[in-house]
Amino acid sequence: MTSLFGTLCDRAEKRARYSKTVSALQSTTLNTRLDLDIYQGDIPQIARRAVYG
């Protein structure tokens, strides 16, 4: 049962980091995203890779 709780906590933590990463990337200016070669539609995929690998 401890393993299940640990897994759930880990998933919740990763989901929170994913949401925070998406929010941070979306809050950047368009010029900043273009300088970093980040397009609006790519943000979820970038955040997913950053958090989940």
PDB file of N, CA and C in Angstrom:
ATOM      1  N   MET A   1       0.818  -1.196   0.000  1.00  0.00           N
ATOM      2  CA  MET A   1       0.000   0.000   0.000  1.00  0.00           C
ATOM      3  C   MET A   1       0.862   1.261   0.000  1.00  0.00           C
ATOM      4  N   THR A   2       2.006   1.195   0.637  1.00  0.00           N
ATOM      5  CA  THR A   2       2.904   2.344   0.669  1.00  0.00           C
ATOM      6  C   THR A   2       3.388   2.687  -0.731  1.00  0.00           C
ATOM      7  N   SER A   3       3.643   1.664  -1.514  1.00  0.00           N
ATOM      8  CA  SER A   3       4.103   1.886  -2.877  1.00  0.00           C
ATOM      9  C   SER A   3       3.046   2.616  -3.705  1.00  0.00           C
ATOM     10  N   LEU A   4       1.797   2.244  -3.519  1.00  0.00           N
ATOM     11  CA  LEU A   4       0.702   2.897  -4.232  1.00  0.00           C
ATOM     12  C   LEU A   4       0.629   4.371  -3.849  1.00  0.00           C
ATOM     13  N   PHE A   5       0.738   4.656  -2.560  1.00  0.00           N
ATOM     14  CA  PHE A   5       0.695   6.038  -2.091  1.00  0.00           C
ATOM     15  C   PHE A   5       1.863   6.835  -2.654  1.00  0.00           C
ATOM     16  N   GLY A   6       3.045   6.235  -2.683  1.00  0.00           N
ATOM     17  CA  GLY A   6       4.218   6.903  -3.234  1.00  0.00           C
ATOM     18  C   GLY A   6       4.051   7.204  -4.712  1.00  0.00           C
ATOM     19  N   THR A   7       3.481   6.246  -5.437  1.00  0.00           N
ATOM     20  CA  THR A   7       3.245   6.431  -6.863  1.00  0.00           C
ATOM     21  C   THR A   7       2.253   7.564  -7.103  1.00  0.00           C
ATOM     22  N   LEU A   8       1.191   7.587  -6.321  1.00  0.00           N
ATOM     23  CA  LEU A   8       0.185   8.644  -6.471  1.00  0.00           C
ATOM     24  C   LEU A   8       0.767  10.016  -6.147  1.00  0.00           C
ATOM     25  N   CYS A   9       1.577  10.081  -5.119  1.00  0.00           N
ATOM     26  CA  CYS A   9       2.220  11.352  -4.762  1.00  0.00           C
ATOM     27  C   CYS A   9       3.170  11.812  -5.865  1.00  0.00           C
ATOM     28  N   ASP A  10       3.926  10.879  -6.407  1.00  0.00           N
ATOM     29  CA  ASP A  10       4.857  11.201  -7.487  1.00  0.00           C
ATOM     30  C   ASP A  10       4.113  11.722  -8.710  1.00  0.00           C
ATOM     31  N   ARG A  11       3.036  11.063  -9.067  1.00  0.00           N
ATOM     32  CA  ARG A  11       2.246  11.506 -10.228  1.00  0.00           C
ATOM     33  C   ARG A  11       1.625  12.872 -10.000  1.00  0.00           C
ATOM     34  N   ALA A  12       1.133  13.110  -8.790  1.00  0.00           N
ATOM     35  CA  ALA A  12       0.531  14.412  -8.471  1.00  0.00           C
ATOM     36  C   ALA A  12       1.586  15.517  -8.537  1.00  0.00           C
ATOM     37  N   GLU A  13       2.785  15.211  -8.046  1.00  0.00           N
ATOM     38  CA  GLU A  13       3.869  16.191  -8.084  1.00  0.00           C
ATOM     39  C   GLU A  13       4.273  16.502  -9.529  1.00  0.00           C
ATOM     40  N   LYS A  14       4.371  15.481 -10.360  1.00  0.00           N
ATOM     41  CA  LYS A  14       4.727  15.692 -11.758  1.00  0.00           C
ATOM     42  C   LYS A  14       3.650  16.469 -12.488  1.00  0.00           C
ATOM     43  N   ARG A  15       2.396  16.182 -12.194  1.00  0.00           N
ATOM     44  CA  ARG A  15       1.302  16.912 -12.839  1.00  0.00           C
ATOM     45  C   ARG A  15       1.342  18.388 -12.459  1.00  0.00           C
ATOM     46  N   ALA A  16       1.648  18.667 -11.193  1.00  0.00           N
ATOM     47  CA  ALA A  16       1.753  20.053 -10.741  1.00  0.00           C
ATOM     48  C   ALA A  16       2.916  20.758 -11.434  1.00  0.00           C
ATOM     49  N   ARG A  17       4.053  20.074 -11.573  1.00  0.00           N
ATOM     50  CA  ARG A  17       5.203  20.655 -12.279  1.00  0.00           C
ATOM     51  C   ARG A  17       4.882  20.885 -13.739  1.00  0.00           C
ATOM     52  N   TYR A  18       4.152  19.957 -14.353  1.00  0.00           N
ATOM     53  CA  TYR A  18       3.746  20.111 -15.758  1.00  0.00           C
ATOM     54  C   TYR A  18       2.877  21.359 -15.916  1.00  0.00           C
ATOM     55  N   SER A  19       1.874  21.500 -15.065  1.00  0.00           N
ATOM     56  CA  SER A  19       0.974  22.659 -15.144  1.00  0.00           C
ATOM     57  C   SER A  19       1.735  23.965 -14.936  1.00  0.00           C
ATOM     58  N   LYS A  20       2.670  23.954 -13.995  1.00  0.00           N
ATOM     59  CA  LYS A  20       3.460  25.156 -13.722  1.00  0.00           C
ATOM     60  C   LYS A  20       4.356  25.495 -14.918  1.00  0.00           C
ATOM     61  N   THR A  21       4.931  24.485 -15.555  1.00  0.00           N
ATOM     62  CA  THR A  21       5.785  24.699 -16.714  1.00  0.00           C
ATOM     63  C   THR A  21       4.990  25.257 -17.882  1.00  0.00           C
ATOM     64  N   VAL A  22       3.808  24.688 -18.138  1.00  0.00           N
ATOM     65  CA  VAL A  22       2.945  25.195 -19.211  1.00  0.00           C
ATOM     66  C   VAL A  22       2.583  26.651 -18.934  1.00  0.00           C
ATOM     67  N   SER A  23       2.204  26.938 -17.714  1.00  0.00           N
ATOM     68  CA  SER A  23       1.821  28.297 -17.352  1.00  0.00           C
ATOM     69  C   SER A  23       2.988  29.273 -17.534  1.00  0.00           C
ATOM     70  N   ALA A  24       4.174  28.852 -17.123  1.00  0.00           N
ATOM     71  CA  ALA A  24       5.346  29.721 -17.249  1.00  0.00           C
ATOM     72  C   ALA A  24       5.675  29.980 -18.715  1.00  0.00           C
ATOM     73  N   LEU A  25       5.606  28.952 -19.534  1.00  0.00           N
ATOM     74  CA  LEU A  25       5.909  29.139 -20.953  1.00  0.00           C
ATOM     75  C   LEU A  25       4.855  30.004 -21.639  1.00  0.00           C
ATOM     76  N   GLN A  26       3.601  29.840 -21.271  1.00  0.00           N
ATOM     77  CA  GLN A  26       2.542  30.639 -21.883  1.00  0.00           C
ATOM     78  C   GLN A  26       2.593  32.095 -21.450  1.00  0.00           C
ATOM     79  N   SER A  27       3.183  32.358 -20.295  1.00  0.00           N
ATOM     80  CA  SER A  27       3.221  33.735 -19.804  1.00  0.00           C
ATOM     81  C   SER A  27       4.365  34.543 -20.411  1.00  0.00           C
ATOM     82  N   THR A  28       5.264  33.877 -21.134  1.00  0.00           N
ATOM     83  CA  THR A  28       6.351  34.619 -21.777  1.00  0.00           C
ATOM     84  C   THR A  28       5.794  35.414 -22.959  1.00  0.00           C
ATOM     85  N   THR A  29       6.516  36.439 -23.326  1.00  0.00           N
ATOM     86  CA  THR A  29       6.075  37.266 -24.447  1.00  0.00           C
ATOM     87  C   THR A  29       6.293  36.528 -25.763  1.00  0.00           C
ATOM     88  N   LEU A  30       5.584  36.958 -26.767  1.00  0.00           N
ATOM     89  CA  LEU A  30       5.720  36.356 -28.088  1.00  0.00           C
ATOM     90  C   LEU A  30       7.148  36.476 -28.601  1.00  0.00           C
ATOM     91  N   ASN A  31       7.763  37.629 -28.399  1.00  0.00           N
ATOM     92  CA  ASN A  31       9.146  37.829 -28.855  1.00  0.00           C
ATOM     93  C   ASN A  31      10.108  36.865 -28.176  1.00  0.00           C
ATOM     94  N   THR A  32       9.912  36.634 -26.891  1.00  0.00           N
ATOM     95  CA  THR A  32      10.766  35.695 -26.167  1.00  0.00           C
ATOM     96  C   THR A  32      10.584  34.289 -26.701  1.00  0.00           C
ATOM     97  N   ARG A  33       9.335  33.879 -26.907  1.00  0.00           N
ATOM     98  CA  ARG A  33       9.080  32.528 -27.442  1.00  0.00           C
ATOM     99  C   ARG A  33       9.671  32.367 -28.830  1.00  0.00           C
ATOM    100  N   LEU A  34       9.570  33.404 -29.655  1.00  0.00           N
ATOM    101  CA  LEU A  34      10.144  33.326 -30.998  1.00  0.00           C
ATOM    102  C   LEU A  34      11.669  33.256 -30.939  1.00  0.00           C
ATOM    103  N   ASP A  35      12.271  34.008 -30.019  1.00  0.00           N
ATOM    104  CA  ASP A  35      13.728  33.944 -29.846  1.00  0.00           C
ATOM    105  C   ASP A  35      14.175  32.548 -29.429  1.00  0.00           C
ATOM    106  N   LEU A  36      13.355  31.884 -28.633  1.00  0.00           N
ATOM    107  CA  LEU A  36      13.680  30.534 -28.155  1.00  0.00           C
ATOM    108  C   LEU A  36      13.169  29.453 -29.093  1.00  0.00           C
ATOM    109  N   ASP A  37      12.559  29.869 -30.195  1.00  0.00           N
ATOM    110  CA  ASP A  37      12.006  28.941 -31.184  1.00  0.00           C
ATOM    111  C   ASP A  37      10.916  28.051 -30.570  1.00  0.00           C
ATOM    112  N   ILE A  38      10.071  28.665 -29.750  1.00  0.00           N
ATOM    113  CA  ILE A  38       8.949  27.970 -29.114  1.00  0.00           C
ATOM    114  C   ILE A  38       7.661  28.532 -29.699  1.00  0.00           C
ATOM    115  N   TYR A  39       6.869  27.675 -30.278  1.00  0.00           N
ATOM    116  CA  TYR A  39       5.590  28.090 -30.833  1.00  0.00           C
ATOM    117  C   TYR A  39       4.474  27.708 -29.869  1.00  0.00           C
ATOM    118  N   GLN A  40       3.412  28.482 -29.842  1.00  0.00           N
ATOM    119  CA  GLN A  40       2.305  28.307 -28.895  1.00  0.00           C
ATOM    120  C   GLN A  40       1.807  26.860 -28.853  1.00  0.00           C
ATOM    121  N   GLY A  41       1.635  26.249 -30.005  1.00  0.00           N
ATOM    122  CA  GLY A  41       1.113  24.891 -30.060  1.00  0.00           C
ATOM    123  C   GLY A  41       2.078  23.837 -29.554  1.00  0.00           C
ATOM    124  N   ASP A  42       3.355  24.185 -29.437  1.00  0.00           N
ATOM    125  CA  ASP A  42       4.370  23.241 -28.956  1.00  0.00           C
ATOM    126  C   ASP A  42       4.522  23.241 -27.440  1.00  0.00           C
ATOM    127  N   ILE A  43       3.937  24.193 -26.764  1.00  0.00           N
ATOM    128  CA  ILE A  43       4.137  24.348 -25.324  1.00  0.00           C
ATOM    129  C   ILE A  43       3.758  23.092 -24.539  1.00  0.00           C
ATOM    130  N   PRO A  44       2.590  22.469 -24.748  1.00  0.00           N
ATOM    131  CA  PRO A  44       2.287  21.254 -23.976  1.00  0.00           C
ATOM    132  C   PRO A  44       3.310  20.136 -24.189  1.00  0.00           C
ATOM    133  N   GLN A  45       3.762  19.971 -25.407  1.00  0.00           N
ATOM    134  CA  GLN A  45       4.745  18.920 -25.698  1.00  0.00           C
ATOM    135  C   GLN A  45       6.087  19.232 -25.035  1.00  0.00           C
ATOM    136  N   ILE A  46       6.512  20.473 -25.056  1.00  0.00           N
ATOM    137  CA  ILE A  46       7.765  20.873 -24.430  1.00  0.00           C
ATOM    138  C   ILE A  46       7.694  20.643 -22.919  1.00  0.00           C
ATOM    139  N   ALA A  47       6.574  21.037 -22.324  1.00  0.00           N
ATOM    140  CA  ALA A  47       6.404  20.858 -20.874  1.00  0.00           C
ATOM    141  C   ALA A  47       6.377  19.368 -20.517  1.00  0.00           C
ATOM    142  N   ARG A  48       5.700  18.565 -21.348  1.00  0.00           N
ATOM    143  CA  ARG A  48       5.638  17.132 -21.096  1.00  0.00           C
ATOM    144  C   ARG A  48       7.027  16.514 -21.111  1.00  0.00           C
ATOM    145  N   ARG A  49       7.827  16.883 -22.111  1.00  0.00           N
ATOM    146  CA  ARG A  49       9.187  16.358 -22.194  1.00  0.00           C
ATOM    147  C   ARG A  49      10.041  16.817 -21.017  1.00  0.00           C
ATOM    148  N   ALA A  50       9.858  18.062 -20.593  1.00  0.00           N
ATOM    149  CA  ALA A  50      10.652  18.602 -19.488  1.00  0.00           C
ATOM    150  C   ALA A  50      10.346  17.900 -18.173  1.00  0.00           C
ATOM    151  N   VAL A  51       9.079  17.525 -17.976  1.00  0.00           N
ATOM    152  CA  VAL A  51       8.686  16.928 -16.694  1.00  0.00           C
ATOM    153  C   VAL A  51       8.761  15.399 -16.714  1.00  0.00           C
ATOM    154  N   TYR A  52       8.242  14.808 -17.755  1.00  0.00           N
ATOM    155  CA  TYR A  52       8.126  13.348 -17.785  1.00  0.00           C
ATOM    156  C   TYR A  52       9.281  12.655 -18.517  1.00  0.00           C
ATOM    157  N   GLY A  53      10.071  13.438 -19.212  1.00  0.00           N
ATOM    158  CA  GLY A  53      11.214  12.847 -19.903  1.00  0.00           C
ATOM    159  C   GLY A  53      10.950  12.458 -21.319  1.00  0.00           C
TER     160      GLY A  53
END
